[in-house]
Amino acid sequence: MSWETGVIQRQPGVVEAPFDEVLVVLNEDLDYLGLDEVGQRIWEILDEPRTLDAVVGTLLDEYDVERADCERDVTAFLDALAEHKLVARA
């Protein structure tokens, strides 16, 4: 899926719970994903619908990472979230 256009939003009905150092996010079908520190930060950024550029821009302000690497990694992460029906393009 291409995330470069449109707005990314969390799917309704997703439940989240901290477990040790991981945040577990669970959809209505009981499909879940464990998020590490950076994954948790992206999930927090998506508390409101955002564009890919807005997510990447926030991460670039907070982490020492190159834009191309950040865009690639965020896109892959969003693909994983979408595969687990946790986010979608609005």
C-alpha atoms as a PDB file:
ATOM      1  CA  MET A   1       0.000   0.000   0.000  1.00  0.00           C
ATOM      2  CA  SER A   2       1.239   3.477  -0.767  1.00  0.00           C
ATOM      3  CA  TRP A   3       1.170   5.741   2.268  1.00  0.00           C
ATOM      4  CA  GLU A   4       2.542   8.787   0.433  1.00  0.00           C
ATOM      5  CA  THR A   5      -0.921  10.169  -0.273  1.00  0.00           C
ATOM      6  CA  GLY A   6      -3.877  10.540   2.022  1.00  0.00           C
ATOM      7  CA  VAL A   7      -4.154  10.440   5.764  1.00  0.00           C
ATOM      8  CA  ILE A   8      -3.280   7.518   8.009  1.00  0.00           C
ATOM      9  CA  GLN A   9      -5.559   6.745  10.929  1.00  0.00           C
ATOM     10  CA  ARG A  10      -5.932   4.116  13.607  1.00  0.00           C
ATOM     11  CA  GLN A  11      -8.720   1.630  13.038  1.00  0.00           C
ATOM     12  CA  PRO A  12     -11.670   1.942  15.416  1.00  0.00           C
ATOM     13  CA  GLY A  13     -11.938  -0.626  18.188  1.00  0.00           C
ATOM     14  CA  VAL A  14      -8.196  -1.160  18.644  1.00  0.00           C
ATOM     15  CA  VAL A  15      -7.235  -1.891  22.240  1.00  0.00           C
ATOM     16  CA  GLU A  16      -3.767  -1.267  23.621  1.00  0.00           C
ATOM     17  CA  ALA A  17      -2.018  -2.493  26.752  1.00  0.00           C
ATOM     18  CA  PRO A  18       1.542  -2.150  28.028  1.00  0.00           C
ATOM     19  CA  PHE A  19       3.395  -5.414  28.641  1.00  0.00           C
ATOM     20  CA  ASP A  20       6.929  -5.063  30.014  1.00  0.00           C
ATOM     21  CA  GLU A  21       8.671  -2.703  27.574  1.00  0.00           C
ATOM     22  CA  VAL A  22       6.267  -3.491  24.729  1.00  0.00           C
ATOM     23  CA  LEU A  23       2.907  -1.956  23.909  1.00  0.00           C
ATOM     24  CA  VAL A  24       0.507  -4.592  22.603  1.00  0.00           C
ATOM     25  CA  VAL A  25      -2.172  -3.351  20.199  1.00  0.00           C
ATOM     26  CA  LEU A  26      -5.108  -5.656  19.478  1.00  0.00           C
ATOM     27  CA  ASN A  27      -7.804  -5.308  16.825  1.00  0.00           C
ATOM     28  CA  GLU A  28     -11.420  -6.497  16.962  1.00  0.00           C
ATOM     29  CA  ASP A  29     -10.437  -9.807  15.313  1.00  0.00           C
ATOM     30  CA  LEU A  30      -7.951 -10.411  18.162  1.00  0.00           C
ATOM     31  CA  ASP A  31      -5.027  -9.933  15.775  1.00  0.00           C
ATOM     32  CA  TYR A  32      -2.250  -8.158  17.648  1.00  0.00           C
ATOM     33  CA  LEU A  33       1.178  -6.649  17.307  1.00  0.00           C
ATOM     34  CA  GLY A  34       3.790  -5.785  19.941  1.00  0.00           C
ATOM     35  CA  LEU A  35       5.356  -2.344  19.529  1.00  0.00           C
ATOM     36  CA  ASP A  36       8.865  -1.431  20.647  1.00  0.00           C
ATOM     37  CA  GLU A  37       9.858   2.088  21.700  1.00  0.00           C
ATOM     38  CA  VAL A  38       9.885   3.587  18.200  1.00  0.00           C
ATOM     39  CA  GLY A  39       6.740   1.691  17.221  1.00  0.00           C
ATOM     40  CA  GLN A  40       5.053   3.062  20.323  1.00  0.00           C
ATOM     41  CA  ARG A  41       6.099   6.580  19.359  1.00  0.00           C
ATOM     42  CA  ILE A  42       4.627   6.183  15.876  1.00  0.00           C
ATOM     43  CA  TRP A  43       1.432   4.809  17.437  1.00  0.00           C
ATOM     44  CA  GLU A  44       1.293   7.876  19.706  1.00  0.00           C
ATOM     45  CA  ILE A  45       1.784  10.203  16.733  1.00  0.00           C
ATOM     46  CA  LEU A  46      -1.167   8.480  15.064  1.00  0.00           C
ATOM     47  CA  ASP A  47      -3.474   9.336  17.962  1.00  0.00           C
ATOM     48  CA  GLU A  48      -4.939  11.731  15.393  1.00  0.00           C
ATOM     49  CA  PRO A  49      -5.048  11.085  11.634  1.00  0.00           C
ATOM     50  CA  ARG A  50      -1.780  12.213  10.025  1.00  0.00           C
ATOM     51  CA  THR A  51       0.002  12.111   6.689  1.00  0.00           C
ATOM     52  CA  LEU A  52       3.147  10.063   6.175  1.00  0.00           C
ATOM     53  CA  ASP A  53       5.067  13.326   5.840  1.00  0.00           C
ATOM     54  CA  ALA A  54       3.783  14.514   9.234  1.00  0.00           C
ATOM     55  CA  VAL A  55       4.761  11.236  10.935  1.00  0.00           C
ATOM     56  CA  VAL A  56       8.218  11.273   9.360  1.00  0.00           C
ATOM     57  CA  GLY A  57       8.684  14.978  10.166  1.00  0.00           C
ATOM     58  CA  THR A  58       7.932  14.387  13.841  1.00  0.00           C
ATOM     59  CA  LEU A  59      10.354  11.458  14.002  1.00  0.00           C
ATOM     60  CA  LEU A  60      13.084  13.448  12.246  1.00  0.00           C
ATOM     61  CA  ASP A  61      12.732  16.108  14.953  1.00  0.00           C
ATOM     62  CA  GLU A  62      13.059  13.511  17.714  1.00  0.00           C
ATOM     63  CA  TYR A  63      15.559  10.946  16.380  1.00  0.00           C
ATOM     64  CA  ASP A  64      18.926  11.114  14.642  1.00  0.00           C
ATOM     65  CA  VAL A  65      17.966   9.427  11.380  1.00  0.00           C
ATOM     66  CA  GLU A  66      18.189  10.210   7.678  1.00  0.00           C
ATOM     67  CA  ARG A  67      14.914  11.115   5.939  1.00  0.00           C
ATOM     68  CA  ALA A  68      15.143   8.288   3.386  1.00  0.00           C
ATOM     69  CA  ASP A  69      15.795   5.695   6.089  1.00  0.00           C
ATOM     70  CA  CYS A  70      12.989   7.070   8.237  1.00  0.00           C
ATOM     71  CA  GLU A  71      10.486   7.061   5.367  1.00  0.00           C
ATOM     72  CA  ARG A  72      11.440   3.499   4.419  1.00  0.00           C
ATOM     73  CA  ASP A  73      11.167   2.222   7.997  1.00  0.00           C
ATOM     74  CA  VAL A  74       7.915   4.058   8.762  1.00  0.00           C
ATOM     75  CA  THR A  75       6.374   2.787   5.519  1.00  0.00           C
ATOM     76  CA  ALA A  76       7.327  -0.798   6.390  1.00  0.00           C
ATOM     77  CA  PHE A  77       5.935  -0.327   9.905  1.00  0.00           C
ATOM     78  CA  LEU A  78       2.665   1.104   8.562  1.00  0.00           C
ATOM     79  CA  ASP A  79       2.409  -1.884   6.213  1.00  0.00           C
ATOM     80  CA  ALA A  80       2.728  -4.206   9.230  1.00  0.00           C
ATOM     81  CA  LEU A  81       0.100  -2.238  11.155  1.00  0.00           C
ATOM     82  CA  ALA A  82      -2.243  -2.365   8.148  1.00  0.00           C
ATOM     83  CA  GLU A  83      -1.670  -6.100   7.724  1.00  0.00           C
ATOM     84  CA  HIS A  84      -2.889  -6.542  11.300  1.00  0.00           C
ATOM     85  CA  LYS A  85      -5.851  -4.210  10.604  1.00  0.00           C
ATOM     86  CA  LEU A  86      -4.612  -1.624  13.099  1.00  0.00           C
ATOM     87  CA  VAL A  87      -4.360   1.374  10.730  1.00  0.00           C
ATOM     88  CA  ALA A  88      -5.808   2.367   7.377  1.00  0.00           C
ATOM     89  CA  ARG A  89      -5.661   5.236   4.952  1.00  0.00           C
ATOM     90  CA  ALA A  90      -8.560   7.630   5.461  1.00  0.00           C
END
